[in-house]
C-alpha atoms as a PDB file:
ATOM      1  CA  MET A   1      79.809   5.242   8.390  1.00  0.00           C
ATOM      2  CA  LYS A   2      79.892   5.375   4.473  1.00  0.00           C
ATOM      3  CA  ARG A   3      77.723   2.033   4.364  1.00  0.00           C
ATOM      4  CA  ILE A   4      75.407   3.538   7.297  1.00  0.00           C
ATOM      5  CA  LEU A   5      75.056   6.633   4.945  1.00  0.00           C
ATOM      6  CA  LEU A   6      74.443   4.391   1.796  1.00  0.00           C
ATOM      7  CA  LEU A   7      71.647   2.238   3.644  1.00  0.00           C
ATOM      8  CA  LEU A   8      69.972   5.532   4.496  1.00  0.00           C
ATOM      9  CA  LEU A   9      69.942   6.625   1.207  1.00  0.00           C
ATOM     10  CA  ALA A  10      68.389   3.511  -0.052  1.00  0.00           C
ATOM     11  CA  ALA A  11      65.959   3.091   2.249  1.00  0.00           C
ATOM     12  CA  PRO A  12      63.410   5.511   0.744  1.00  0.00           C
ATOM     13  CA  LEU A  13      63.704   3.577  -2.856  1.00  0.00           C
ATOM     14  CA  VAL A  14      63.274   0.147  -0.875  1.00  0.00           C
ATOM     15  CA  ALA A  15      59.937   1.438   0.887  1.00  0.00           C
ATOM     16  CA  LEU A  16      58.651   2.994  -2.424  1.00  0.00           C
ATOM     17  CA  ALA A  17      59.389  -0.382  -4.397  1.00  0.00           C
ATOM     18  CA  GLN A  18      57.531  -2.334  -1.615  1.00  0.00           C
ATOM     19  CA  ASN A  19      54.533   0.182  -1.799  1.00  0.00           C
ATOM     20  CA  TYR A  20      54.469   0.557  -5.460  1.00  0.00           C
ATOM     21  CA  PRO A  21      51.847   1.889  -6.899  1.00  0.00           C
ATOM     22  CA  SER A  22      50.185   3.496  -4.264  1.00  0.00           C
ATOM     23  CA  LYS A  23      48.836   6.384  -6.488  1.00  0.00           C
ATOM     24  CA  PRO A  24      47.920   6.972 -10.225  1.00  0.00           C
ATOM     25  CA  VAL A  25      50.523   6.315 -12.770  1.00  0.00           C
ATOM     26  CA  ARG A  26      51.058   8.594 -15.956  1.00  0.00           C
ATOM     27  CA  MET A  27      51.517   6.968 -19.298  1.00  0.00           C
ATOM     28  CA  VAL A  28      53.225   9.462 -21.440  1.00  0.00           C
ATOM     29  CA  ILE A  29      52.441   8.869 -25.422  1.00  0.00           C
ATOM     30  CA  PRO A  30      54.456  11.064 -27.396  1.00  0.00           C
ATOM     31  CA  PHE A  31      52.008  11.140 -30.339  1.00  0.00           C
ATOM     32  CA  ALA A  32      48.357  12.638 -30.932  1.00  0.00           C
ATOM     33  CA  PRO A  33      45.241  10.584 -29.821  1.00  0.00           C
ATOM     34  CA  GLY A  34      44.095   8.602 -33.037  1.00  0.00           C
ATOM     35  CA  GLY A  35      47.812   7.606 -33.883  1.00  0.00           C
ATOM     36  CA  ALA A  36      49.168   3.836 -33.679  1.00  0.00           C
ATOM     37  CA  SER A  37      50.689   4.611 -30.218  1.00  0.00           C
ATOM     38  CA  ASP A  38      48.013   6.081 -28.703  1.00  0.00           C
ATOM     39  CA  PHE A  39      45.857   2.826 -30.134  1.00  0.00           C
ATOM     40  CA  VAL A  40      48.441   0.583 -28.129  1.00  0.00           C
ATOM     41  CA  GLY A  41      48.516   2.343 -25.278  1.00  0.00           C
ATOM     42  CA  ARG A  42      44.665   2.731 -24.886  1.00  0.00           C
ATOM     43  CA  ILE A  43      44.270  -0.874 -25.408  1.00  0.00           C
ATOM     44  CA  MET A  44      46.878  -1.919 -22.559  1.00  0.00           C
ATOM     45  CA  GLN A  45      45.564   0.932 -20.309  1.00  0.00           C
ATOM     46  CA  PRO A  46      42.558  -1.144 -18.906  1.00  0.00           C
ATOM     47  CA  LYS A  47      44.319  -4.299 -18.181  1.00  0.00           C
ATOM     48  CA  MET A  48      47.297  -2.401 -16.492  1.00  0.00           C
ATOM     49  CA  VAL A  49      44.896  -0.414 -14.268  1.00  0.00           C
ATOM     50  CA  GLU A  50      43.482  -4.046 -13.315  1.00  0.00           C
ATOM     51  CA  LEU A  51      46.909  -5.402 -12.575  1.00  0.00           C
ATOM     52  CA  LEU A  52      48.297  -2.542 -10.818  1.00  0.00           C
ATOM     53  CA  GLY A  53      45.283  -1.640  -8.738  1.00  0.00           C
ATOM     54  CA  GLN A  54      45.822   2.181  -9.536  1.00  0.00           C
ATOM     55  CA  PRO A  55      44.661   4.236 -12.460  1.00  0.00           C
ATOM     56  CA  ILE A  56      46.918   4.837 -15.358  1.00  0.00           C
ATOM     57  CA  VAL A  57      46.353   8.356 -16.801  1.00  0.00           C
ATOM     58  CA  VAL A  58      47.274   8.543 -20.532  1.00  0.00           C
ATOM     59  CA  GLU A  59      49.176  11.946 -21.114  1.00  0.00           C
ATOM     60  CA  ASN A  60      49.463  12.648 -25.047  1.00  0.00           C
ATOM     61  CA  ARG A  61      52.428  15.000 -25.558  1.00  0.00           C
ATOM     62  CA  ALA A  62      52.853  15.268 -29.275  1.00  0.00           C
ATOM     63  CA  GLY A  63      55.517  17.305 -31.086  1.00  0.00           C
ATOM     64  CA  ALA A  64      58.947  16.758 -33.284  1.00  0.00           C
ATOM     65  CA  ALA A  65      58.423  13.153 -34.063  1.00  0.00           C
ATOM     66  CA  GLY A  66      57.619  12.341 -30.484  1.00  0.00           C
ATOM     67  CA  SER A  67      60.876  14.080 -28.881  1.00  0.00           C
ATOM     68  CA  ILE A  68      58.662  16.148 -27.016  1.00  0.00           C
ATOM     69  CA  GLY A  69      57.020  13.617 -25.204  1.00  0.00           C
ATOM     70  CA  ALA A  70      60.398  11.696 -24.858  1.00  0.00           C
ATOM     71  CA  GLU A  71      61.911  14.439 -23.010  1.00  0.00           C
ATOM     72  CA  VAL A  72      58.911  14.990 -20.760  1.00  0.00           C
ATOM     73  CA  ALA A  73      59.381  11.383 -19.591  1.00  0.00           C
ATOM     74  CA  ALA A  74      62.879  11.119 -19.249  1.00  0.00           C
ATOM     75  CA  LYS A  75      63.211  14.295 -17.070  1.00  0.00           C
ATOM     76  CA  SER A  76      60.217  12.981 -14.855  1.00  0.00           C
ATOM     77  CA  ALA A  77      61.251  11.716 -11.161  1.00  0.00           C
ATOM     78  CA  PRO A  78      62.487   8.258 -11.468  1.00  0.00           C
ATOM     79  CA  ASP A  79      59.796   6.611  -9.167  1.00  0.00           C
ATOM     80  CA  GLY A  80      57.962   4.493 -11.573  1.00  0.00           C
ATOM     81  CA  TYR A  81      54.967   6.942 -11.472  1.00  0.00           C
ATOM     82  CA  THR A  82      55.826   8.097 -15.223  1.00  0.00           C
ATOM     83  CA  ILE A  83      55.952   5.400 -17.974  1.00  0.00           C
ATOM     84  CA  PHE A  84      56.941   6.246 -21.379  1.00  0.00           C
ATOM     85  CA  LEU A  85      55.599   4.189 -24.433  1.00  0.00           C
ATOM     86  CA  GLY A  86      58.063   4.834 -26.854  1.00  0.00           C
ATOM     87  CA  ASN A  87      58.664   3.407 -30.364  1.00  0.00           C
ATOM     88  CA  VAL A  88      61.373   2.978 -33.089  1.00  0.00           C
ATOM     89  CA  GLY A  89      61.220   6.662 -33.985  1.00  0.00           C
ATOM     90  CA  SER A  90      61.216   8.512 -30.763  1.00  0.00           C
ATOM     91  CA  ILE A  91      63.738   6.330 -29.209  1.00  0.00           C
ATOM     92  CA  ALA A  92      65.966   4.906 -31.963  1.00  0.00           C
ATOM     93  CA  ILE A  93      65.744   7.197 -35.117  1.00  0.00           C
ATOM     94  CA  ASN A  94      65.226  10.601 -33.514  1.00  0.00           C
ATOM     95  CA  PRO A  95      68.718  10.675 -32.092  1.00  0.00           C
ATOM     96  CA  GLY A  96      70.317  10.247 -35.748  1.00  0.00           C
ATOM     97  CA  VAL A  97      67.871  12.916 -37.053  1.00  0.00           C
ATOM     98  CA  TYR A  98      67.673  15.581 -34.387  1.00  0.00           C
ATOM     99  CA  PRO A  99      71.013  16.759 -34.094  1.00  0.00           C
ATOM    100  CA  LYS A 100      70.149  18.762 -30.414  1.00  0.00           C
ATOM    101  CA  LEU A 101      67.957  16.636 -28.847  1.00  0.00           C
ATOM    102  CA  GLY A 102      67.165  17.399 -25.210  1.00  0.00           C
ATOM    103  CA  ILE A 103      67.995  13.897 -24.137  1.00  0.00           C
ATOM    104  CA  ASN A 104      69.859  10.677 -24.842  1.00  0.00           C
ATOM    105  CA  PRO A 105      67.346   8.018 -25.311  1.00  0.00           C
ATOM    106  CA  VAL A 106      69.685   4.798 -24.380  1.00  0.00           C
ATOM    107  CA  LYS A 107      70.898   6.494 -21.505  1.00  0.00           C
ATOM    108  CA  ASP A 108      68.245   8.428 -19.837  1.00  0.00           C
ATOM    109  CA  PHE A 109      65.469   5.672 -20.215  1.00  0.00           C
ATOM    110  CA  ILE A 110      65.625   2.080 -18.828  1.00  0.00           C
ATOM    111  CA  ALA A 111      64.099  -0.014 -21.254  1.00  0.00           C
ATOM    112  CA  VAL A 112      61.493  -2.084 -19.449  1.00  0.00           C
ATOM    113  CA  THR A 113      60.037  -4.612 -22.510  1.00  0.00           C
ATOM    114  CA  GLN A 114      58.679  -4.266 -26.014  1.00  0.00           C
ATOM    115  CA  VAL A 115      55.037  -4.604 -26.477  1.00  0.00           C
ATOM    116  CA  VAL A 116      54.056  -4.738 -29.906  1.00  0.00           C
ATOM    117  CA  ASP A 117      55.625  -4.816 -33.436  1.00  0.00           C
ATOM    118  CA  VAL A 118      54.016  -3.382 -36.501  1.00  0.00           C
ATOM    119  CA  PRO A 119      55.575  -4.459 -39.783  1.00  0.00           C
ATOM    120  CA  SER A 120      55.869  -2.583 -42.688  1.00  0.00           C
ATOM    121  CA  ILE A 121      54.801  -3.556 -46.357  1.00  0.00           C
ATOM    122  CA  LEU A 122      56.715  -2.825 -49.603  1.00  0.00           C
ATOM    123  CA  ILE A 123      53.743  -1.573 -51.462  1.00  0.00           C
ATOM    124  CA  VAL A 124      53.508  -0.418 -55.225  1.00  0.00           C
ATOM    125  CA  HIS A 125      51.009   1.635 -57.284  1.00  0.00           C
ATOM    126  CA  PRO A 126      49.221  -1.020 -59.825  1.00  0.00           C
ATOM    127  CA  SER A 127      50.753   0.507 -62.888  1.00  0.00           C
ATOM    128  CA  VAL A 128      54.317  -0.779 -61.668  1.00  0.00           C
ATOM    129  CA  PRO A 129      55.309  -3.844 -63.768  1.00  0.00           C
ATOM    130  CA  ALA A 130      56.735  -5.883 -60.654  1.00  0.00           C
ATOM    131  CA  SER A 131      55.330  -8.458 -58.796  1.00  0.00           C
ATOM    132  CA  SER A 132      58.273  -9.016 -56.549  1.00  0.00           C
ATOM    133  CA  VAL A 133      60.936  -7.069 -54.860  1.00  0.00           C
ATOM    134  CA  LYS A 134      63.525  -8.664 -57.176  1.00  0.00           C
ATOM    135  CA  GLU A 135      61.411  -7.303 -60.355  1.00  0.00           C
ATOM    136  CA  LEU A 136      60.741  -4.204 -59.011  1.00  0.00           C
ATOM    137  CA  VAL A 137      64.560  -3.656 -58.239  1.00  0.00           C
ATOM    138  CA  ALA A 138      65.328  -4.655 -61.888  1.00  0.00           C
ATOM    139  CA  TYR A 139      62.603  -2.029 -63.087  1.00  0.00           C
ATOM    140  CA  ALA A 140      64.112   0.581 -60.811  1.00  0.00           C
ATOM    141  CA  LYS A 141      67.633  -0.184 -62.300  1.00  0.00           C
ATOM    142  CA  ALA A 142      66.347   0.113 -65.930  1.00  0.00           C
ATOM    143  CA  ASN A 143      64.394   3.448 -65.204  1.00  0.00           C
ATOM    144  CA  PRO A 144      67.012   5.282 -63.074  1.00  0.00           C
ATOM    145  CA  GLY A 145      65.195   8.284 -61.757  1.00  0.00           C
ATOM    146  CA  LYS A 146      61.919   7.796 -62.602  1.00  0.00           C
ATOM    147  CA  LEU A 147      60.416   5.972 -59.701  1.00  0.00           C
ATOM    148  CA  ASN A 148      58.955   8.291 -56.903  1.00  0.00           C
ATOM    149  CA  PHE A 149      58.686   6.739 -53.585  1.00  0.00           C
ATOM    150  CA  ALA A 150      56.697   8.442 -50.539  1.00  0.00           C
ATOM    151  CA  SER A 151      56.910   8.623 -46.877  1.00  0.00           C
ATOM    152  CA  PRO A 152      55.482  10.576 -44.350  1.00  0.00           C
ATOM    153  CA  GLY A 153      58.551  12.547 -43.836  1.00  0.00           C
ATOM    154  CA  SER A 154      62.358  12.812 -43.931  1.00  0.00           C
ATOM    155  CA  GLY A 155      63.165  10.994 -40.794  1.00  0.00           C
ATOM    156  CA  SER A 156      60.608   8.440 -40.788  1.00  0.00           C
ATOM    157  CA  LEU A 157      60.957   4.799 -40.419  1.00  0.00           C
ATOM    158  CA  ASP A 158      59.075   4.199 -43.924  1.00  0.00           C
ATOM    159  CA  ARG A 159      61.873   6.786 -45.368  1.00  0.00           C
ATOM    160  CA  LEU A 160      64.804   5.084 -43.817  1.00  0.00           C
ATOM    161  CA  GLU A 161      63.559   1.624 -44.982  1.00  0.00           C
ATOM    162  CA  MET A 162      63.464   2.831 -48.558  1.00  0.00           C
ATOM    163  CA  GLU A 163      66.872   4.403 -48.201  1.00  0.00           C
ATOM    164  CA  LEU A 164      68.197   0.996 -46.969  1.00  0.00           C
ATOM    165  CA  LEU A 165      66.935  -0.415 -50.160  1.00  0.00           C
ATOM    166  CA  ARG A 166      68.119   2.183 -52.613  1.00  0.00           C
ATOM    167  CA  LYS A 167      71.607   1.352 -50.709  1.00  0.00           C
ATOM    168  CA  LEU A 168      71.656  -2.451 -51.010  1.00  0.00           C
ATOM    169  CA  GLU A 169      71.033  -2.155 -54.525  1.00  0.00           C
ATOM    170  CA  LYS A 170      72.286   1.427 -55.327  1.00  0.00           C
ATOM    171  CA  LEU A 171      68.980   2.768 -56.659  1.00  0.00           C
ATOM    172  CA  ASP A 172      68.293   6.003 -58.372  1.00  0.00           C
ATOM    173  CA  MET A 173      64.570   7.017 -56.992  1.00  0.00           C
ATOM    174  CA  VAL A 174      63.243  10.400 -56.022  1.00  0.00           C
ATOM    175  CA  HIS A 175      61.890  10.861 -52.447  1.00  0.00           C
ATOM    176  CA  VAL A 176      58.538  12.870 -51.973  1.00  0.00           C
ATOM    177  CA  PRO A 177      57.948  13.403 -48.321  1.00  0.00           C
ATOM    178  CA  TYR A 178      54.248  14.044 -47.509  1.00  0.00           C
ATOM    179  CA  LYS A 179      52.940  16.172 -44.375  1.00  0.00           C
ATOM    180  CA  GLY A 180      50.450  14.728 -41.766  1.00  0.00           C
ATOM    181  CA  GLY A 181      51.534  11.205 -41.482  1.00  0.00           C
ATOM    182  CA  ALA A 182      51.290   7.834 -43.157  1.00  0.00           C
ATOM    183  CA  GLY A 183      47.448   8.529 -44.476  1.00  0.00           C
ATOM    184  CA  PRO A 184      48.539  11.260 -46.914  1.00  0.00           C
ATOM    185  CA  ALA A 185      51.584   9.522 -48.456  1.00  0.00           C
ATOM    186  CA  THR A 186      49.342   6.096 -48.824  1.00  0.00           C
ATOM    187  CA  ALA A 187      46.628   8.255 -50.677  1.00  0.00           C
ATOM    188  CA  GLY A 188      49.605  10.260 -53.075  1.00  0.00           C
ATOM    189  CA  LEU A 189      50.476   6.395 -53.728  1.00  0.00           C
ATOM    190  CA  MET A 190      47.041   5.361 -54.445  1.00  0.00           C
ATOM    191  CA  GLY A 191      46.276   8.433 -56.430  1.00  0.00           C
ATOM    192  CA  GLY A 192      49.621   7.796 -58.796  1.00  0.00           C
ATOM    193  CA  GLU A 193      51.642  10.820 -57.311  1.00  0.00           C
ATOM    194  CA  THR A 194      54.300   8.197 -56.506  1.00  0.00           C
ATOM    195  CA  GLN A 195      54.724   4.612 -57.340  1.00  0.00           C
ATOM    196  CA  LEU A 196      56.204   3.052 -54.187  1.00  0.00           C
ATOM    197  CA  MET A 197      56.706   3.134 -50.436  1.00  0.00           C
ATOM    198  CA  PHE A 198      57.182   1.184 -47.241  1.00  0.00           C
ATOM    199  CA  ALA A 199      54.179   1.737 -44.777  1.00  0.00           C
ATOM    200  CA  THR A 200      53.107   0.059 -41.689  1.00  0.00           C
ATOM    201  CA  ALA A 201      50.539  -2.796 -42.210  1.00  0.00           C
ATOM    202  CA  ALA A 202      47.698  -0.866 -40.383  1.00  0.00           C
ATOM    203  CA  SER A 203      48.588   1.884 -43.107  1.00  0.00           C
ATOM    204  CA  ALA A 204      48.774  -0.021 -46.053  1.00  0.00           C
ATOM    205  CA  MET A 205      45.863  -2.194 -45.685  1.00  0.00           C
ATOM    206  CA  PRO A 206      42.964  -0.499 -46.991  1.00  0.00           C
ATOM    207  CA  GLY A 207      44.623   0.286 -50.073  1.00  0.00           C
ATOM    208  CA  VAL A 208      45.820  -3.326 -50.691  1.00  0.00           C
ATOM    209  CA  LYS A 209      42.277  -4.980 -49.553  1.00  0.00           C
ATOM    210  CA  GLY A 210      40.813  -2.413 -52.140  1.00  0.00           C
ATOM    211  CA  GLY A 211      43.319  -3.524 -55.167  1.00  0.00           C
ATOM    212  CA  ARG A 212      44.572   0.016 -54.912  1.00  0.00           C
ATOM    213  CA  LEU A 213      48.181  -1.295 -53.871  1.00  0.00           C
ATOM    214  CA  LYS A 214      50.123  -4.159 -54.874  1.00  0.00           C
ATOM    215  CA  PRO A 215      51.842  -5.548 -51.869  1.00  0.00           C
ATOM    216  CA  LEU A 216      55.535  -7.277 -52.515  1.00  0.00           C
ATOM    217  CA  ALA A 217      56.961  -7.956 -49.032  1.00  0.00           C
ATOM    218  CA  VAL A 218      56.471  -7.460 -45.344  1.00  0.00           C
ATOM    219  CA  THR A 219      59.437  -6.293 -43.079  1.00  0.00           C
ATOM    220  CA  SER A 220      58.746  -9.202 -40.350  1.00  0.00           C
ATOM    221  CA  THR A 221      60.296 -12.494 -39.539  1.00  0.00           C
ATOM    222  CA  ARG A 222      57.336 -14.247 -40.437  1.00  0.00           C
ATOM    223  CA  ARG A 223      54.503 -13.742 -42.779  1.00  0.00           C
ATOM    224  CA  ILE A 224      51.621 -11.897 -41.555  1.00  0.00           C
ATOM    225  CA  ASP A 225      48.071 -13.557 -40.695  1.00  0.00           C
ATOM    226  CA  THR A 226      46.406 -10.852 -42.943  1.00  0.00           C
ATOM    227  CA  LEU A 227      48.285 -11.417 -46.099  1.00  0.00           C
ATOM    228  CA  PRO A 228      49.540 -14.779 -45.864  1.00  0.00           C
ATOM    229  CA  GLU A 229      50.535 -15.112 -49.730  1.00  0.00           C
ATOM    230  CA  VAL A 230      52.956 -11.972 -49.345  1.00  0.00           C
ATOM    231  CA  PRO A 231      56.347 -13.240 -48.605  1.00  0.00           C
ATOM    232  CA  THR A 232      58.833 -11.795 -45.849  1.00  0.00           C
ATOM    233  CA  VAL A 233      61.654  -9.648 -47.092  1.00  0.00           C
ATOM    234  CA  GLU A 234      63.970 -12.478 -46.137  1.00  0.00           C
ATOM    235  CA  GLU A 235      62.021 -14.881 -48.462  1.00  0.00           C
ATOM    236  CA  ALA A 236      62.256 -12.397 -51.134  1.00  0.00           C
ATOM    237  CA  GLY A 237      66.064 -12.358 -51.107  1.00  0.00           C
ATOM    238  CA  TYR A 238      66.815  -9.154 -48.602  1.00  0.00           C
ATOM    239  CA  PRO A 239      67.359 -10.226 -45.052  1.00  0.00           C
ATOM    240  CA  ASP A 240      68.790  -6.860 -44.277  1.00  0.00           C
ATOM    241  CA  LEU A 241      65.511  -5.407 -44.619  1.00  0.00           C
ATOM    242  CA  LYS A 242      63.923  -7.191 -41.534  1.00  0.00           C
ATOM    243  CA  ALA A 243      62.373  -4.088 -39.613  1.00  0.00           C
ATOM    244  CA  GLY A 244      59.326  -2.957 -37.569  1.00  0.00           C
ATOM    245  CA  SER A 245      57.715  -0.093 -36.045  1.00  0.00           C
ATOM    246  CA  TRP A 246      58.037  -1.642 -32.603  1.00  0.00           C
ATOM    247  CA  GLN A 247      56.851  -0.136 -29.219  1.00  0.00           C
ATOM    248  CA  GLY A 248      58.050  -0.623 -25.725  1.00  0.00           C
ATOM    249  CA  ILE A 249      57.488   0.669 -22.192  1.00  0.00           C
ATOM    250  CA  PHE A 250      60.567   2.821 -20.762  1.00  0.00           C
ATOM    251  CA  VAL A 251      61.010   4.532 -17.286  1.00  0.00           C
ATOM    252  CA  PRO A 252      63.377   7.129 -16.439  1.00  0.00           C
ATOM    253  CA  THR A 253      66.988   6.034 -15.744  1.00  0.00           C
ATOM    254  CA  GLY A 254      67.395   5.887 -11.766  1.00  0.00           C
ATOM    255  CA  THR A 255      64.040   4.215 -11.158  1.00  0.00           C
ATOM    256  CA  PRO A 256      64.517   1.646  -8.531  1.00  0.00           C
ATOM    257  CA  ARG A 257      65.018  -2.075  -9.866  1.00  0.00           C
ATOM    258  CA  ASP A 258      62.120  -3.860  -8.017  1.00  0.00           C
ATOM    259  CA  VAL A 259      59.627  -1.209  -9.312  1.00  0.00           C
ATOM    260  CA  VAL A 260      61.246  -1.934 -13.007  1.00  0.00           C
ATOM    261  CA  ASP A 261      60.409  -5.645 -12.510  1.00  0.00           C
ATOM    262  CA  ARG A 262      56.873  -4.891 -11.387  1.00  0.00           C
ATOM    263  CA  ILE A 263      56.266  -2.604 -14.580  1.00  0.00           C
ATOM    264  CA  PHE A 264      57.898  -5.471 -16.467  1.00  0.00           C
ATOM    265  CA  ALA A 265      56.074  -8.226 -14.897  1.00  0.00           C
ATOM    266  CA  VAL A 266      52.813  -6.399 -15.298  1.00  0.00           C
ATOM    267  CA  SER A 267      53.298  -5.398 -18.945  1.00  0.00           C
ATOM    268  CA  THR A 268      54.379  -8.629 -19.976  1.00  0.00           C
ATOM    269  CA  GLN A 269      50.986 -10.167 -18.200  1.00  0.00           C
ATOM    270  CA  VAL A 270      48.822  -7.454 -20.281  1.00  0.00           C
ATOM    271  CA  MET A 271      50.505  -8.525 -23.474  1.00  0.00           C
ATOM    272  CA  LYS A 272      49.483 -12.019 -22.997  1.00  0.00           C
ATOM    273  CA  ASP A 273      45.993 -11.225 -22.405  1.00  0.00           C
ATOM    274  CA  THR A 274      43.607 -12.703 -25.306  1.00  0.00           C
ATOM    275  CA  ASP A 275      41.494  -9.915 -25.608  1.00  0.00           C
ATOM    276  CA  VAL A 276      44.624  -7.297 -25.651  1.00  0.00           C
ATOM    277  CA  ILE A 277      46.073  -9.456 -28.495  1.00  0.00           C
ATOM    278  CA  ASN A 278      43.249  -9.771 -30.833  1.00  0.00           C
ATOM    279  CA  ARG A 279      42.283  -5.959 -30.740  1.00  0.00           C
ATOM    280  CA  LEU A 280      46.122  -5.203 -31.543  1.00  0.00           C
ATOM    281  CA  LYS A 281      45.759  -7.701 -34.281  1.00  0.00           C
ATOM    282  CA  ASN A 282      42.623  -6.132 -35.910  1.00  0.00           C
ATOM    283  CA  GLY A 283      44.880  -2.886 -35.687  1.00  0.00           C
ATOM    284  CA  GLY A 284      47.853  -4.406 -37.608  1.00  0.00           C
ATOM    285  CA  ALA A 285      49.780  -4.749 -34.682  1.00  0.00           C
ATOM    286  CA  GLU A 286      51.459  -8.023 -32.878  1.00  0.00           C
ATOM    287  CA  ALA A 287      51.872  -8.503 -29.472  1.00  0.00           C
ATOM    288  CA  VAL A 288      55.696  -9.371 -28.662  1.00  0.00           C
ATOM    289  CA  THR A 289      57.064  -9.199 -25.194  1.00  0.00           C
ATOM    290  CA  SER A 290      60.939  -9.279 -24.100  1.00  0.00           C
ATOM    291  CA  ALA A 291      62.732 -11.901 -21.854  1.00  0.00           C
ATOM    292  CA  SER A 292      63.864  -9.565 -19.619  1.00  0.00           C
ATOM    293  CA  PRO A 293      64.394  -5.516 -19.605  1.00  0.00           C
ATOM    294  CA  ALA A 294      68.230  -6.361 -19.988  1.00  0.00           C
ATOM    295  CA  GLU A 295      67.473  -7.921 -23.338  1.00  0.00           C
ATOM    296  CA  PHE A 296      65.025  -5.072 -24.502  1.00  0.00           C
ATOM    297  CA  GLN A 297      67.996  -2.511 -23.367  1.00  0.00           C
ATOM    298  CA  LYS A 298      70.468  -4.189 -25.642  1.00  0.00           C
ATOM    299  CA  TYR A 299      68.044  -4.379 -28.786  1.00  0.00           C
ATOM    300  CA  VAL A 300      67.207  -0.910 -28.499  1.00  0.00           C
ATOM    301  CA  ALA A 301      70.813   0.121 -28.258  1.00  0.00           C
ATOM    302  CA  ALA A 302      71.350  -2.065 -31.421  1.00  0.00           C
ATOM    303  CA  GLU A 303      68.341  -0.507 -33.104  1.00  0.00           C
ATOM    304  CA  THR A 304      69.572   3.148 -32.068  1.00  0.00           C
ATOM    305  CA  GLU A 305      72.900   2.200 -33.980  1.00  0.00           C
ATOM    306  CA  ARG A 306      71.410   0.853 -36.911  1.00  0.00           C
ATOM    307  CA  TRP A 307      68.922   3.444 -37.615  1.00  0.00           C
ATOM    308  CA  ALA A 308      71.274   6.303 -36.488  1.00  0.00           C
ATOM    309  CA  LYS A 309      73.753   5.024 -38.972  1.00  0.00           C
ATOM    310  CA  ILE A 310      71.187   4.951 -41.971  1.00  0.00           C
ATOM    311  CA  ALA A 311      69.559   8.533 -41.167  1.00  0.00           C
ATOM    312  CA  ARG A 312      73.025  10.294 -41.261  1.00  0.00           C
ATOM    313  CA  GLU A 313      73.778   8.454 -44.423  1.00  0.00           C
ATOM    314  CA  ALA A 314      70.655   9.419 -46.083  1.00  0.00           C
ATOM    315  CA  GLY A 315      70.793  13.053 -44.833  1.00  0.00           C
ATOM    316  CA  ALA A 316      67.636  12.769 -42.817  1.00  0.00           C
ATOM    317  CA  THR A 317      66.554  15.911 -41.218  1.00  0.00           C
ATOM    318  CA  PRO A 318      63.677  17.559 -38.896  1.00  0.00           C
ATOM    319  CA  ASP A 319      60.761  18.166 -40.958  1.00  0.00           C
END
């Protein structure tokens, strides 16, 4: 009797997976139009529509550093018709910054696959007499409390990357958070209000190319094509600083495995498309996919543990 009941309960899910998708799919992006996540989602959208055979409706649900959109998506029906484009902030950092999140991203989402990685660049104002990370560290130690570092907010990845460097080298520097994202923070750095910061490649590149910012290292595992002369943090002697503003596809926990596998297959195929790869690269993002949902889930759990610890130690709070 129990076996029959289980079969009856599973039948609708099996039918759902076999027919998926039979109607439009919603992609929740937890940030405003025009931002990095929206940029990635809009590039993925046409190819996903082509492969799934159904419209993809992008829904921007901004607020609370991505937490509002994450909660909307996590509490949606687990049927594959709501997918979430999460990133390192909305998934891995926020649990360590917001004491009362409405969800637990690791438990309330199935991690399907990573889709992009956006490396950060350690940049300094040209007035800073350092041409390498080691020289910067030496200068900071010789001038305690005199260097100001910028960030887009207390709980941002950019801020936490600098806190990690500060911890590794026991540096005394002053944090200057800016409102409005990376744009105001990098503008302040170019204007000399601050002396250094970590910023995504996309945010840093205009200032670097214009000679108004000096790049010292990139946080990716290999050098980036747009700045081939800039070493990685590992090459600079700081392997623990390897990081990136990754983004990935998530669905609510409880979504049928066959549907998850279908979304995984489509998402990874999208990220292998030459046009998608080139458009992302032009915007400073690299197409990166996971070997399986299980691998991505493991990676997300590790990232959450890593950044939550750094956020707690830095005293990061919601802005």
